Protein backbone atom coordinates (compact mmCIF):
# COMPACT_ATOMS: atom_id res chain seq x y z
CA UNK A 1 -12.22 29.21 -7.49
CA UNK A 2 -10.14 31.56 -5.37
CA UNK A 3 -6.81 30.98 -3.69
CA UNK A 4 -6.25 32.15 -0.14
CA UNK A 5 -2.86 33.58 0.84
CA UNK A 6 -1.13 34.31 4.13
CA UNK A 7 1.68 36.76 4.81
CA UNK A 8 5.06 35.31 5.76
CA UNK A 9 7.49 38.18 6.24
CA UNK A 10 7.47 40.17 3.01
CA UNK A 11 5.90 37.36 0.97
CA UNK A 12 2.36 36.20 0.33
CA UNK A 13 2.26 32.41 0.28
CA UNK A 14 -0.72 30.34 -0.88
CA UNK A 15 -2.59 28.42 1.79
CA UNK A 16 -1.98 24.90 0.60
CA UNK A 17 -2.70 21.94 2.79
CA UNK A 18 -2.48 18.23 2.29
CA UNK A 19 -5.70 16.28 2.13
CA UNK A 20 -6.39 14.12 5.10
CA UNK A 21 -5.43 10.54 4.53
CA UNK A 22 -8.10 7.90 4.69
CA UNK A 23 -8.75 5.67 7.60
CA UNK A 24 -7.16 2.66 5.95
CA UNK A 25 -3.60 2.31 7.24
CA UNK A 26 -0.81 1.43 4.83
CA UNK A 27 0.48 -2.12 5.06
CA UNK A 28 3.82 -3.53 3.93
CA UNK A 29 3.11 -3.06 0.22
CA UNK A 30 1.85 0.51 0.53
CA UNK A 31 4.92 1.49 2.52
CA UNK A 32 7.19 -0.28 0.02
CA UNK A 33 5.59 1.72 -2.83
CA UNK A 34 6.04 4.95 -0.86
CA UNK A 35 9.73 4.23 -0.25
CA UNK A 36 10.23 3.29 -3.91
CA UNK A 37 8.66 6.53 -5.10
CA UNK A 38 10.73 8.61 -2.68
CA UNK A 39 14.04 6.95 -3.57
CA UNK A 40 13.72 6.13 -7.27
CA UNK A 41 10.92 8.29 -8.73
CA UNK A 42 11.10 11.67 -6.97
CA UNK A 43 9.36 13.48 -9.84
CA UNK A 44 6.35 11.18 -9.77
CA UNK A 45 6.34 11.28 -5.96
CA UNK A 46 6.22 15.10 -6.02
CA UNK A 47 3.50 15.14 -8.67
CA UNK A 48 1.35 12.73 -6.66
CA UNK A 49 1.77 14.80 -3.50
CA UNK A 50 0.91 18.07 -5.23
CA UNK A 51 -2.15 16.58 -6.93
CA UNK A 52 -3.33 15.03 -3.66
CA UNK A 53 -3.35 11.53 -5.15
CA UNK A 54 -0.38 9.96 -3.35
CA UNK A 55 -2.46 8.14 -0.73
CA UNK A 56 -4.88 6.92 -3.43
CA UNK A 57 -1.95 5.52 -5.45
CA UNK A 58 -0.48 3.81 -2.39
CA UNK A 59 -3.81 2.20 -1.50
CA UNK A 60 -4.29 0.97 -5.07
CA UNK A 61 -0.83 -0.61 -5.07
CA UNK A 62 -1.48 -2.11 -1.64
CA UNK A 63 -4.79 -3.67 -2.70
CA UNK A 64 -3.36 -5.05 -5.94
CA UNK A 65 -0.36 -6.60 -4.18
CA UNK A 66 -2.50 -8.11 -1.43
CA UNK A 67 -4.88 -9.62 -3.99
CA UNK A 68 -1.92 -11.14 -5.84
CA UNK A 69 -0.56 -12.66 -2.62
CA UNK A 70 -3.92 -14.33 -1.93
CA UNK A 71 -4.12 -15.71 -5.49
CA UNK A 72 -0.55 -17.03 -5.45
CA UNK A 73 -0.94 -18.56 -1.97
CA UNK A 74 -4.14 -20.34 -3.02
CA UNK A 75 -2.52 -21.72 -6.18
CA UNK A 76 0.52 -22.93 -4.23
CA UNK A 77 -1.70 -24.57 -1.60
CA UNK A 78 -3.68 -26.40 -4.28
CA UNK A 79 -0.49 -27.58 -5.96
CA UNK A 80 0.77 -28.99 -2.63
CA UNK A 81 -2.64 -30.52 -1.76
CA UNK A 82 -2.96 -28.33 1.32
CA UNK A 83 -6.54 -27.84 2.52
CA UNK A 84 -8.43 -26.34 5.42
CA UNK A 85 -9.39 -29.86 6.49
CA UNK A 86 -5.69 -30.61 6.92
CA UNK A 87 -5.42 -27.58 9.18
CA UNK A 88 -8.09 -28.90 11.52
CA UNK A 89 -6.64 -32.44 11.58
CA UNK A 90 -2.92 -31.77 12.00
CA UNK A 91 -2.00 -28.12 12.53
CA UNK A 92 1.76 -28.66 12.75
CA UNK A 93 1.88 -30.55 9.44
CA UNK A 94 -0.26 -27.84 7.84
CA UNK A 95 2.07 -25.10 9.12
CA UNK A 96 5.10 -27.01 7.87
CA UNK A 97 3.65 -27.39 4.39
CA UNK A 98 2.19 -23.90 4.06
CA UNK A 99 5.42 -22.16 5.15
CA UNK A 100 7.66 -24.20 2.86
CA UNK A 101 5.47 -23.88 -0.22
């Protein structure tokens, strides 16, 4: 493994580039994790950037949070007796119940 350098004035600097991010865009939870790392965990944020694993960490957090939202929403809907059949019969009542649960 060799490291490539480029000359910048009197100094030789290593050619370091960030890995390209994946095609999956960050949603609310990925961006919240990014902001949290930047503001409250700068050491971890820097380590993740330098290792090239920041985007991977953000996607993992995003997927975990989204899965939890689906699970919690389903449990709340079952507790309120909200079903897909109710959505097809009376959409306004379904919206009222699903947004208040």
